[in-house]
Amino acid sequence: MSRSSRPHVKDGGLPSDLESIRSRVSITNQAPHHTSAILDPDAFASLQLDNSWNQEVFEKHFRIAVQSIERRGDMVRDPVSGVETESDSDRIVFDMVGIEAPLANALRRILLSEVPTMAIERVILFQNTSIIQDEVLAHRLGLVPIYADPRQFQYVRESATQASARRKPRNPKERDDKSVTSTQHPDGEENELNTLVFVLDVKCTRKIDPKTGRPAGEDKADADKYDNHLITSSHLKWIPQGRQAQRFADPARRPRPYYDDIILAKLRPGQSIEAELHVEKGIGQSHAKWSPVATASYRLMPEILFTTPIEGEMAQELKQKCPMNVFDIEDIGGKPTATVARPRNCTMCRECTRGEVADGIGMGGAWSDRVKLRRVRDHFIFSVETTGAYTPTEVVREAIKVLKEKALTIKRLCQGEENKDEEDDEEEEEEEIDMTQTRRAPTRAEVEAKSKEMDEDDDESDEQADESSDDENGSD
């Protein structure tokens, strides 16, 4: 929280050129300019403006706006061509306005690696006579997205801190108990609360031609010659453990591969694969197979400005120059005038700023003098595509929860450090007091007592010396 009495820079007051440098990234044909944010609290102190982080200003300017949500199978319109197609992914596009790049990047990294999901962790192969190696097959199986709510499961080793707890035998009578709880299973072992089990049992055979009663000829396609010649994710079958069948009785919540058409291996007659797969909870930091998103990216909001109105044939040329269909032509004041209709489509390819204006359609000059490209520094456009474990909105909510928990953890640590510093200061003061008492000048009584002790020690040493000399004379 800022304690400055000066007005905040985000509420206005800067000259237009400085405000452009502070809040925009300029894009020229050579390179971007002013890419670094101005974070110094006193950067504009000479103008009597406060540039520090202020919670009230942050709450005033911060906002999140969802632009679009796509679900697999929905009809979506392509922003460039305008053609409607069927979506094959789950995606959300939203804006976050009023934040800095470090916070935006923190959210992106949490989306990639810290939101938990379920993935195949252990593959027990009983038979694999296909051409694909066991290790490669296991790796491909691990990358299959599993539709299962990770919030309904525990981590296998989340509380197994001791080796004795991991080796603790399970009571077989407790397996059949209808009131299963986490306390009925030893820590660090697989059970119905932390593991899903799938099986893969496929064998390729040759089809029989119904007309001739013989195997299909080699001139036919593989699909007409063989059964199970392609092993896909649809061949994975879920085997409920314990009371999982009751917990996931709803067909919509039943664990399964999210995509049914992922090719895992190819077989020929006589070849087969038989395996048991264990699905566990994890995060993308451990392995990419636990990442809940296929892509999570952000970019700064594009901003296109015209230094002068672009009209007539120049407007037509500008519209044709842009490959992303950013510009439109509207009738303004009786003249066809170029407008920025779809700024979000802009990829900063800078095609609109290249070259010279064609002779005969304008006053000449370079397009870079007429069109200016910028990006808004605190306006981030996020695009998140999920793998299927969460819906697009759920994965963003879970990432924000993780970010919130991290902030609370830092707060607790800082408070703990402050308390520790206070305790250390008190201990140092006590030590200083002790040292002061130790180093004070001795009193007269203490000096006399010390001298008396030293005289007694000297007398004892003299007596011992006399005795030793008498002993030596006697021996002589």
Protein backbone atom coordinates (compact mmCIF):
# COMPACT_ATOMS: atom_id res chain seq x y z
CA MET A 1 0.00 0.00 0.00
CA SER A 2 1.41 3.34 -1.04
CA ARG A 3 1.73 5.96 1.70
CA SER A 4 2.40 8.84 -0.67
CA SER A 5 0.07 11.84 -0.59
CA ARG A 6 0.75 12.55 -4.26
CA PRO A 7 -1.85 11.60 -6.91
CA HIS A 8 -1.18 8.28 -8.59
CA VAL A 9 0.23 8.25 -12.11
CA LYS A 10 -2.50 5.86 -13.33
CA ASP A 11 -5.14 8.48 -12.60
CA GLY A 12 -3.63 10.84 -15.17
CA GLY A 13 -1.35 13.84 -15.10
CA LEU A 14 1.54 12.72 -17.30
CA PRO A 15 2.30 14.45 -20.62
CA SER A 16 1.10 12.44 -23.60
CA ASP A 17 4.59 11.41 -24.71
CA LEU A 18 5.54 10.13 -21.25
CA GLU A 19 2.18 8.43 -20.83
CA SER A 20 2.74 6.63 -24.13
CA ILE A 21 6.14 5.38 -22.95
CA ARG A 22 4.73 4.31 -19.58
CA SER A 23 1.65 2.45 -20.81
CA ARG A 24 2.48 1.31 -24.35
CA VAL A 25 5.05 -0.76 -26.24
CA SER A 26 5.84 0.80 -29.60
CA ILE A 27 6.30 -1.54 -32.59
CA THR A 28 8.39 -0.26 -35.51
CA ASN A 29 9.75 -1.96 -38.61
CA GLN A 30 13.12 -2.35 -36.91
CA ALA A 31 12.22 -3.53 -33.39
CA PRO A 32 9.89 -2.97 -30.45
CA HIS A 33 10.66 0.04 -28.25
CA HIS A 34 10.03 0.83 -24.56
CA THR A 35 9.54 -2.83 -23.73
CA SER A 36 10.57 -2.54 -20.05
CA ALA A 37 7.96 -1.46 -17.55
CA ILE A 38 8.65 1.59 -15.37
CA LEU A 39 8.37 0.24 -11.82
CA ASP A 40 10.39 2.77 -9.81
CA PRO A 41 8.00 4.37 -7.27
CA ASP A 42 9.68 7.78 -7.68
CA ALA A 43 10.12 7.67 -11.45
CA PHE A 44 7.74 10.63 -11.87
CA ALA A 45 8.38 12.36 -8.55
CA SER A 46 9.55 15.48 -10.37
CA LEU A 47 6.02 15.79 -11.77
CA GLN A 48 4.53 15.26 -8.30
CA LEU A 49 3.08 11.88 -9.29
CA ASP A 50 3.27 8.60 -7.38
CA ASN A 51 4.26 5.49 -9.36
CA SER A 52 4.29 2.95 -6.50
CA TRP A 53 1.98 -0.05 -6.30
CA ASN A 54 -1.27 0.94 -4.64
CA GLN A 55 -3.98 -1.53 -3.71
CA GLU A 56 -6.82 0.96 -4.16
CA VAL A 57 -5.58 1.92 -7.63
CA PHE A 58 -5.12 -1.78 -8.48
CA GLU A 59 -8.69 -2.64 -7.45
CA LYS A 60 -9.96 0.32 -9.45
CA HIS A 61 -8.24 -0.63 -12.71
CA PHE A 62 -8.09 -4.43 -12.54
CA ARG A 63 -10.69 -6.48 -14.41
CA ILE A 64 -11.15 -9.85 -16.09
CA ALA A 65 -13.32 -10.16 -19.19
CA VAL A 66 -14.09 -13.51 -20.84
CA GLN A 67 -14.11 -13.15 -24.62
CA SER A 68 -15.03 -16.67 -25.74
CA ILE A 69 -15.42 -20.24 -24.48
CA GLU A 70 -15.21 -23.15 -26.92
CA ARG A 71 -16.18 -26.73 -26.16
CA ARG A 72 -15.35 -29.70 -28.32
CA GLY A 73 -18.08 -30.12 -30.95
CA ASP A 74 -19.29 -26.49 -30.85
CA MET A 75 -19.55 -24.48 -34.05
CA VAL A 76 -17.07 -21.59 -33.96
CA ARG A 77 -16.35 -18.81 -36.42
CA ASP A 78 -12.80 -18.25 -37.62
CA PRO A 79 -11.85 -14.62 -36.80
CA VAL A 80 -9.84 -14.17 -40.02
CA SER A 81 -11.85 -15.97 -42.70
CA GLY A 82 -15.24 -15.81 -40.97
CA VAL A 83 -15.97 -19.46 -41.84
CA GLU A 84 -17.80 -21.57 -39.25
CA THR A 85 -16.14 -24.87 -38.33
CA GLU A 86 -16.59 -27.51 -35.65
CA SER A 87 -14.25 -27.05 -32.72
CA ASP A 88 -12.03 -30.03 -31.84
CA SER A 89 -10.73 -28.61 -28.54
CA ASP A 90 -11.80 -26.91 -25.29
CA ARG A 91 -10.54 -23.35 -25.17
CA ILE A 92 -11.12 -20.15 -23.25
CA VAL A 93 -9.97 -16.67 -24.26
CA PHE A 94 -10.11 -13.94 -21.62
CA ASP A 95 -8.57 -10.56 -20.87
CA MET A 96 -6.73 -9.55 -17.70
CA VAL A 97 -6.37 -5.79 -17.47
CA GLY A 98 -4.43 -3.81 -14.90
CA ILE A 99 -1.60 -6.22 -14.03
CA GLU A 100 2.11 -6.43 -14.76
CA ALA A 101 3.88 -9.10 -16.81
CA PRO A 102 5.30 -11.02 -13.77
CA LEU A 103 1.80 -11.72 -12.44
CA ALA A 104 0.53 -12.74 -15.87
CA ASN A 105 3.48 -15.08 -16.32
CA ALA A 106 2.96 -16.56 -12.84
CA LEU A 107 -0.61 -17.47 -13.77
CA ARG A 108 0.55 -18.99 -17.05
CA ARG A 109 3.20 -21.13 -15.35
CA ILE A 110 0.71 -22.33 -12.74
CA LEU A 111 -1.67 -23.34 -15.53
CA LEU A 112 1.12 -25.34 -17.13
CA SER A 113 2.66 -27.08 -14.16
CA GLU A 114 0.88 -26.71 -10.82
CA VAL A 115 -2.79 -27.58 -11.34
CA PRO A 116 -3.15 -31.32 -10.52
CA THR A 117 -4.65 -33.87 -12.91
CA MET A 118 -4.89 -37.65 -13.26
CA ALA A 119 -2.53 -39.51 -15.61
CA ILE A 120 -1.24 -43.03 -16.20
CA GLU A 121 1.76 -43.44 -13.92
CA ARG A 122 2.36 -47.22 -13.86
CA VAL A 123 2.07 -49.67 -16.78
CA ILE A 124 2.21 -53.39 -16.00
CA LEU A 125 2.78 -55.22 -19.28
CA PHE A 126 1.77 -58.86 -19.45
CA GLN A 127 2.13 -59.23 -23.22
CA ASN A 128 3.49 -57.04 -25.98
CA THR A 129 4.27 -58.74 -29.29
CA SER A 130 3.82 -55.56 -31.34
CA ILE A 131 6.66 -53.79 -33.09
CA ILE A 132 6.60 -50.91 -30.61
CA GLN A 133 9.00 -51.19 -27.65
CA ASP A 134 7.69 -51.55 -24.10
CA GLU A 135 9.19 -48.23 -22.95
CA VAL A 136 7.78 -46.30 -25.92
CA LEU A 137 4.35 -47.85 -25.44
CA ALA A 138 4.35 -46.96 -21.74
CA HIS A 139 5.34 -43.38 -22.57
CA ARG A 140 2.56 -43.06 -25.16
CA LEU A 141 0.02 -44.44 -22.71
CA GLY A 142 1.11 -41.95 -20.06
CA LEU A 143 0.36 -39.02 -22.37
CA VAL A 144 -3.28 -40.05 -22.96
CA PRO A 145 -5.52 -37.42 -21.28
CA ILE A 146 -7.74 -39.07 -18.67
CA TYR A 147 -11.14 -37.61 -17.93
CA ALA A 148 -11.32 -37.87 -14.14
CA ASP A 149 -11.86 -35.11 -11.60
CA PRO A 150 -8.56 -34.92 -9.64
CA ARG A 151 -10.35 -33.14 -6.80
CA GLN A 152 -12.00 -36.48 -5.99
CA PHE A 153 -8.65 -38.21 -5.41
CA GLN A 154 -5.67 -38.00 -3.10
CA TYR A 155 -1.97 -38.07 -3.89
CA VAL A 156 -0.59 -41.58 -3.45
CA ARG A 157 2.34 -40.40 -1.30
CA GLU A 158 1.00 -37.10 0.00
CA SER A 159 1.39 -38.13 3.67
CA ALA A 160 3.81 -41.06 3.51
CA THR A 161 6.73 -39.39 5.27
CA GLN A 162 8.25 -42.50 6.84
CA ALA A 163 9.38 -45.71 5.21
CA SER A 164 7.62 -47.74 7.90
CA ALA A 165 4.30 -46.13 6.91
CA ARG A 166 4.87 -47.03 3.26
CA ARG A 167 5.59 -50.67 4.16
CA LYS A 168 2.61 -51.00 6.50
CA PRO A 169 0.46 -53.99 5.40
CA ARG A 170 -3.13 -53.34 4.48
CA ASN A 171 -5.91 -55.04 6.46
CA PRO A 172 -7.85 -57.18 3.96
CA LYS A 173 -11.03 -56.91 6.00
CA GLU A 174 -11.07 -53.15 5.58
CA ARG A 175 -11.14 -53.43 1.78
CA ASP A 176 -14.75 -54.56 1.82
CA ASP A 177 -15.91 -52.00 4.39
CA LYS A 178 -18.66 -49.88 2.85
CA SER A 179 -17.62 -46.79 4.81
CA VAL A 180 -14.15 -46.42 3.32
CA THR A 181 -12.12 -43.50 4.63
CA SER A 182 -8.55 -42.37 4.14
CA THR A 183 -7.59 -43.69 7.59
CA GLN A 184 -8.34 -47.29 6.54
CA HIS A 185 -5.43 -47.36 4.09
CA PRO A 186 -1.74 -47.01 4.89
CA ASP A 187 0.00 -43.96 3.59
CA GLY A 188 1.85 -44.24 0.31
CA GLU A 189 -0.02 -47.29 -1.02
CA GLU A 190 -2.41 -47.45 -3.93
CA ASN A 191 -6.08 -47.72 -3.01
CA GLU A 192 -9.46 -46.72 -4.33
CA LEU A 193 -9.06 -43.18 -2.97
CA ASN A 194 -5.93 -42.34 -4.96
CA THR A 195 -5.72 -44.73 -7.94
CA LEU A 196 -7.77 -45.65 -11.00
CA VAL A 197 -7.16 -48.92 -12.84
CA PHE A 198 -7.54 -49.40 -16.60
CA VAL A 199 -6.82 -52.50 -18.67
CA LEU A 200 -5.67 -52.80 -22.27
CA ASP A 201 -6.25 -56.22 -23.84
CA VAL A 202 -6.24 -56.26 -27.65
CA LYS A 203 -5.34 -58.93 -30.20
CA CYS A 204 -5.21 -58.46 -33.95
CA THR A 205 -6.86 -61.09 -36.16
CA ARG A 206 -7.47 -61.44 -39.87
CA LYS A 207 -11.00 -60.91 -41.16
CA ILE A 208 -12.84 -63.64 -43.02
CA ASP A 209 -14.43 -62.76 -46.33
CA PRO A 210 -18.15 -63.71 -45.96
CA LYS A 211 -18.42 -64.51 -49.66
CA THR A 212 -15.50 -66.93 -49.95
CA GLY A 213 -15.11 -68.00 -46.33
CA ARG A 214 -11.39 -67.34 -46.62
CA PRO A 215 -9.16 -64.63 -45.12
CA ALA A 216 -9.52 -61.26 -46.81
CA GLY A 217 -7.18 -60.61 -49.71
CA GLU A 218 -4.07 -58.52 -49.53
CA ASP A 219 -5.46 -56.09 -52.09
CA LYS A 220 -7.92 -54.65 -49.56
CA ALA A 221 -7.37 -51.85 -47.10
CA ASP A 222 -6.15 -52.64 -43.57
CA ALA A 223 -9.56 -51.88 -42.10
CA ASP A 224 -11.13 -54.49 -44.41
CA LYS A 225 -8.41 -57.11 -43.81
CA TYR A 226 -7.79 -56.95 -40.05
CA ASP A 227 -9.68 -56.63 -36.79
CA ASN A 228 -8.02 -54.45 -34.12
CA HIS A 229 -5.16 -53.46 -36.39
CA LEU A 230 -5.13 -50.03 -34.72
CA ILE A 231 -4.95 -49.71 -30.94
CA THR A 232 -6.53 -46.43 -29.89
CA SER A 233 -7.36 -44.83 -26.56
CA SER A 234 -10.92 -46.20 -26.89
CA HIS A 235 -9.53 -49.68 -26.09
CA LEU A 236 -8.69 -48.58 -22.52
CA LYS A 237 -11.34 -50.02 -20.17
CA TRP A 238 -11.87 -48.74 -16.65
CA ILE A 239 -12.00 -51.37 -13.87
CA PRO A 240 -13.66 -49.93 -10.71
CA GLN A 241 -11.87 -50.63 -7.43
CA GLY A 242 -13.67 -50.83 -4.06
CA ARG A 243 -16.62 -48.45 -4.07
CA GLN A 244 -15.51 -46.48 -7.13
CA ALA A 245 -18.46 -47.83 -9.13
CA GLN A 246 -20.83 -46.19 -6.64
CA ARG A 247 -18.79 -42.99 -6.40
CA PHE A 248 -18.79 -42.55 -10.17
CA ALA A 249 -22.18 -44.08 -10.99
CA ASP A 250 -23.10 -41.07 -13.14
CA PRO A 251 -22.05 -41.91 -16.74
CA ALA A 252 -21.04 -38.28 -17.29
CA ARG A 253 -18.48 -38.51 -14.44
CA ARG A 254 -17.19 -41.97 -15.24
CA PRO A 255 -13.37 -42.04 -15.69
CA ARG A 256 -12.31 -42.59 -19.29
CA PRO A 257 -9.85 -41.32 -21.89
CA TYR A 258 -11.04 -37.88 -22.97
CA TYR A 259 -10.21 -38.55 -26.64
CA ASP A 260 -11.16 -41.90 -28.15
CA ASP A 261 -9.18 -41.64 -31.38
CA ILE A 262 -5.58 -41.36 -30.11
CA ILE A 263 -3.52 -44.02 -31.91
CA LEU A 264 -1.29 -45.93 -29.48
CA ALA A 265 0.10 -48.75 -31.65
CA LYS A 266 -0.44 -50.73 -34.88
CA LEU A 267 -0.79 -54.50 -34.94
CA ARG A 268 -0.78 -57.31 -37.48
CA PRO A 269 -2.46 -60.73 -37.19
CA GLY A 270 -1.10 -62.70 -34.23
CA GLN A 271 0.25 -59.66 -32.40
CA SER A 272 -1.35 -58.58 -29.12
CA ILE A 273 -0.93 -56.21 -26.18
CA GLU A 274 -2.15 -56.95 -22.66
CA ALA A 275 -1.47 -54.48 -19.86
CA GLU A 276 -2.80 -53.05 -16.62
CA LEU A 277 -2.60 -49.29 -16.16
CA HIS A 278 -2.61 -47.39 -12.86
CA VAL A 279 -3.74 -43.76 -12.96
CA GLU A 280 -2.48 -41.44 -10.21
CA LYS A 281 -2.76 -37.79 -9.28
CA GLY A 282 0.14 -35.44 -9.98
CA ILE A 283 1.23 -32.03 -11.30
CA GLY A 284 3.06 -30.91 -14.41
CA GLN A 285 6.19 -30.04 -12.43
CA SER A 286 6.81 -33.78 -12.05
CA HIS A 287 5.97 -34.74 -15.65
CA ALA A 288 4.29 -33.06 -18.60
CA LYS A 289 1.63 -35.80 -18.73
CA TRP A 290 0.02 -34.21 -15.65
CA SER A 291 -0.25 -30.78 -17.28
CA PRO A 292 -3.96 -29.82 -17.52
CA VAL A 293 -3.50 -27.65 -20.61
CA ALA A 294 -2.31 -28.29 -24.12
CA THR A 295 -1.41 -24.62 -24.59
CA ALA A 296 -1.52 -21.64 -22.25
CA SER A 297 -0.31 -18.37 -23.71
CA TYR A 298 -0.84 -14.65 -23.41
CA ARG A 299 -0.07 -11.59 -25.49
CA LEU A 300 -0.43 -7.86 -25.10
CA MET A 301 -3.48 -6.17 -26.56
CA PRO A 302 -2.66 -4.72 -30.02
CA GLU A 303 -3.40 -1.07 -30.75
CA ILE A 304 -3.36 0.40 -34.27
CA LEU A 305 -3.42 4.17 -34.81
CA PHE A 306 -3.72 6.31 -37.95
CA THR A 307 -1.77 9.57 -37.98
CA THR A 308 -4.09 10.88 -40.71
CA PRO A 309 -7.39 9.53 -42.09
CA ILE A 310 -6.84 6.87 -44.74
CA GLU A 311 -9.50 7.29 -47.39
CA GLY A 312 -10.39 6.23 -50.91
CA GLU A 313 -8.00 3.99 -52.79
CA MET A 314 -5.49 4.14 -49.91
CA ALA A 315 -8.08 2.49 -47.66
CA GLN A 316 -8.58 -0.29 -50.20
CA GLU A 317 -4.84 -0.87 -50.47
CA LEU A 318 -4.44 -0.96 -46.68
CA LYS A 319 -7.24 -3.50 -46.32
CA GLN A 320 -5.63 -5.74 -48.94
CA LYS A 321 -2.19 -5.44 -47.34
CA CYS A 322 -3.32 -6.95 -44.01
CA PRO A 323 -3.31 -10.79 -44.03
CA MET A 324 -5.25 -11.00 -40.73
CA ASN A 325 -8.35 -9.04 -41.83
CA VAL A 326 -7.88 -6.33 -39.21
CA PHE A 327 -9.21 -3.38 -41.23
CA ASP A 328 -12.62 -2.55 -42.64
CA ILE A 329 -13.85 0.26 -44.86
CA GLU A 330 -16.74 2.44 -43.71
CA ASP A 331 -18.50 5.42 -45.24
CA ILE A 332 -17.51 8.38 -43.07
CA GLY A 333 -18.52 11.85 -44.28
CA GLY A 334 -19.32 10.49 -47.72
CA LYS A 335 -15.85 8.99 -48.19
CA PRO A 336 -14.72 5.34 -47.85
CA THR A 337 -12.43 5.41 -44.82
CA ALA A 338 -10.28 2.66 -43.30
CA THR A 339 -11.13 1.66 -39.72
CA VAL A 340 -9.59 -0.76 -37.24
CA ALA A 341 -12.44 -3.27 -36.96
CA ARG A 342 -10.70 -6.30 -35.44
CA PRO A 343 -7.56 -5.24 -33.51
CA ARG A 344 -7.39 -8.61 -31.68
CA ASN A 345 -6.59 -10.32 -34.98
CA CYS A 346 -3.37 -8.32 -35.33
CA THR A 347 -0.21 -10.38 -34.94
CA MET A 348 2.16 -7.44 -35.37
CA CYS A 349 3.43 -8.81 -38.67
CA ARG A 350 3.95 -5.11 -39.63
CA GLU A 351 2.86 -5.75 -43.19
CA CYS A 352 0.64 -2.66 -42.99
CA THR A 353 3.65 -0.44 -42.22
CA ARG A 354 5.94 -1.73 -44.96
CA GLY A 355 6.55 -0.10 -48.30
CA GLU A 356 5.46 3.15 -49.87
CA VAL A 357 2.00 4.39 -50.72
CA ALA A 358 1.31 3.65 -54.39
CA ASP A 359 1.59 6.62 -56.75
CA GLY A 360 -1.67 8.19 -57.75
CA ILE A 361 -3.72 7.14 -54.72
CA GLY A 362 -2.44 9.57 -52.11
CA MET A 363 0.17 12.08 -51.14
CA GLY A 364 2.91 9.44 -51.25
CA GLY A 365 5.29 8.65 -48.42
CA ALA A 366 5.86 5.54 -46.33
CA TRP A 367 3.06 3.54 -44.76
CA SER A 368 4.99 3.58 -41.47
CA ASP A 369 4.30 7.35 -41.28
CA ARG A 370 0.55 6.78 -41.58
CA VAL A 371 0.05 3.61 -39.48
CA LYS A 372 1.43 3.24 -35.95
CA LEU A 373 1.46 -0.09 -34.12
CA ARG A 374 1.52 -0.36 -30.34
CA ARG A 375 0.66 -2.80 -27.58
CA VAL A 376 -1.10 -1.94 -24.33
CA ARG A 377 1.37 -2.81 -21.58
CA ASP A 378 -1.10 -3.89 -18.86
CA HIS A 379 -3.75 -5.56 -21.05
CA PHE A 380 -3.10 -9.31 -21.46
CA ILE A 381 -5.07 -11.62 -23.74
CA PHE A 382 -4.94 -15.18 -22.41
CA SER A 383 -5.68 -18.23 -24.54
CA VAL A 384 -5.96 -21.52 -22.65
CA GLU A 385 -6.71 -24.89 -24.26
CA THR A 386 -7.35 -27.77 -21.85
CA THR A 387 -6.59 -31.46 -22.30
CA GLY A 388 -10.00 -32.50 -20.97
CA ALA A 389 -9.52 -33.11 -17.25
CA TYR A 390 -11.13 -29.73 -16.51
CA THR A 391 -13.49 -27.48 -18.38
CA PRO A 392 -11.86 -24.26 -19.64
CA THR A 393 -13.38 -22.18 -16.85
CA GLU A 394 -12.52 -24.72 -14.16
CA VAL A 395 -8.83 -24.86 -15.03
CA VAL A 396 -8.52 -21.07 -14.75
CA ARG A 397 -10.32 -21.09 -11.40
CA GLU A 398 -8.02 -23.84 -10.09
CA ALA A 399 -4.94 -21.90 -11.25
CA ILE A 400 -6.15 -18.76 -9.46
CA LYS A 401 -6.70 -20.83 -6.29
CA VAL A 402 -3.09 -22.08 -6.48
CA LEU A 403 -1.85 -18.50 -7.00
CA LYS A 404 -3.91 -17.32 -4.03
CA GLU A 405 -2.50 -20.09 -1.83
CA LYS A 406 1.04 -19.12 -2.85
CA ALA A 407 0.35 -15.51 -1.89
CA LEU A 408 -1.03 -16.58 1.48
CA THR A 409 2.02 -18.79 2.06
CA ILE A 410 4.35 -15.87 1.36
CA LYS A 411 2.30 -13.71 3.71
CA ARG A 412 2.58 -16.28 6.50
CA LEU A 413 6.31 -16.65 5.92
CA CYS A 414 6.83 -12.90 6.02
CA GLN A 415 4.84 -12.62 9.23
CA GLY A 416 6.88 -15.46 10.69
CA GLU A 417 10.12 -13.72 9.70
CA GLU A 418 8.91 -10.51 11.34
CA ASN A 419 8.13 -12.36 14.55
CA LYS A 420 11.48 -14.12 14.35
CA ASP A 421 13.28 -10.81 13.86
CA GLU A 422 11.55 -9.41 16.93
CA GLU A 423 12.57 -12.45 18.98
CA ASP A 424 16.15 -12.18 17.69
CA ASP A 425 16.23 -8.51 18.69
CA GLU A 426 15.05 -9.38 22.19
CA GLU A 427 17.69 -12.13 22.49
CA GLU A 428 20.39 -9.73 21.32
CA GLU A 429 19.28 -7.16 23.89
CA GLU A 430 19.44 -9.81 26.65
CA GLU A 431 22.91 -10.87 25.49
CA GLU A 432 24.06 -7.25 25.52
CA ILE A 433 22.75 -6.88 29.06
CA ASP A 434 24.61 -10.04 30.13
CA MET A 435 27.80 -8.84 28.49
CA THR A 436 27.46 -5.47 30.19
CA GLN A 437 27.07 -7.13 33.55
CA THR A 438 30.05 -9.39 32.81
CA ARG A 439 32.30 -6.55 31.73
CA ARG A 440 31.53 -4.10 34.61
CA ALA A 441 34.40 -3.02 36.94
CA PRO A 442 34.93 -5.41 39.96
CA THR A 443 34.12 -4.11 43.40
CA ARG A 444 36.76 -3.71 46.25
CA ALA A 445 35.44 -6.78 48.08
CA GLU A 446 35.73 -8.87 44.91
CA VAL A 447 39.33 -7.68 44.39
CA GLU A 448 40.30 -8.55 48.00
CA ALA A 449 38.68 -12.00 47.76
CA LYS A 450 40.47 -12.67 44.50
CA SER A 451 43.84 -11.59 46.00
CA LYS A 452 43.26 -13.82 49.03
CA GLU A 453 42.58 -16.82 46.79
CA MET A 454 45.76 -16.13 44.81
CA ASP A 455 47.85 -15.89 48.09
CA GLU A 456 46.43 -19.20 49.32
CA ASP A 457 47.29 -20.84 45.99
CA ASP A 458 50.86 -19.51 46.25
CA ASP A 459 51.26 -20.89 49.81
CA GLU A 460 50.03 -24.31 48.74
CA SER A 461 52.43 -24.41 45.81
CA ASP A 462 55.38 -23.44 48.12
CA GLU A 463 54.51 -26.23 50.58
CA GLN A 464 54.35 -28.75 47.77
CA ALA A 465 57.75 -27.62 46.49
CA ASP A 466 59.33 -28.01 50.00
CA GLU A 467 57.89 -31.51 50.39
CA SER A 468 59.22 -32.60 47.02
CA SER A 469 62.73 -31.30 47.87
CA ASP A 470 62.70 -33.18 51.22
CA ASP A 471 61.78 -36.37 49.41
CA GLU A 472 64.70 -35.94 47.04
CA ASN A 473 67.20 -35.38 49.92
CA GLY A 474 65.89 -38.46 51.71
CA SER A 475 66.42 -40.61 48.69
CA ASP A 476 69.99 -39.41 48.38
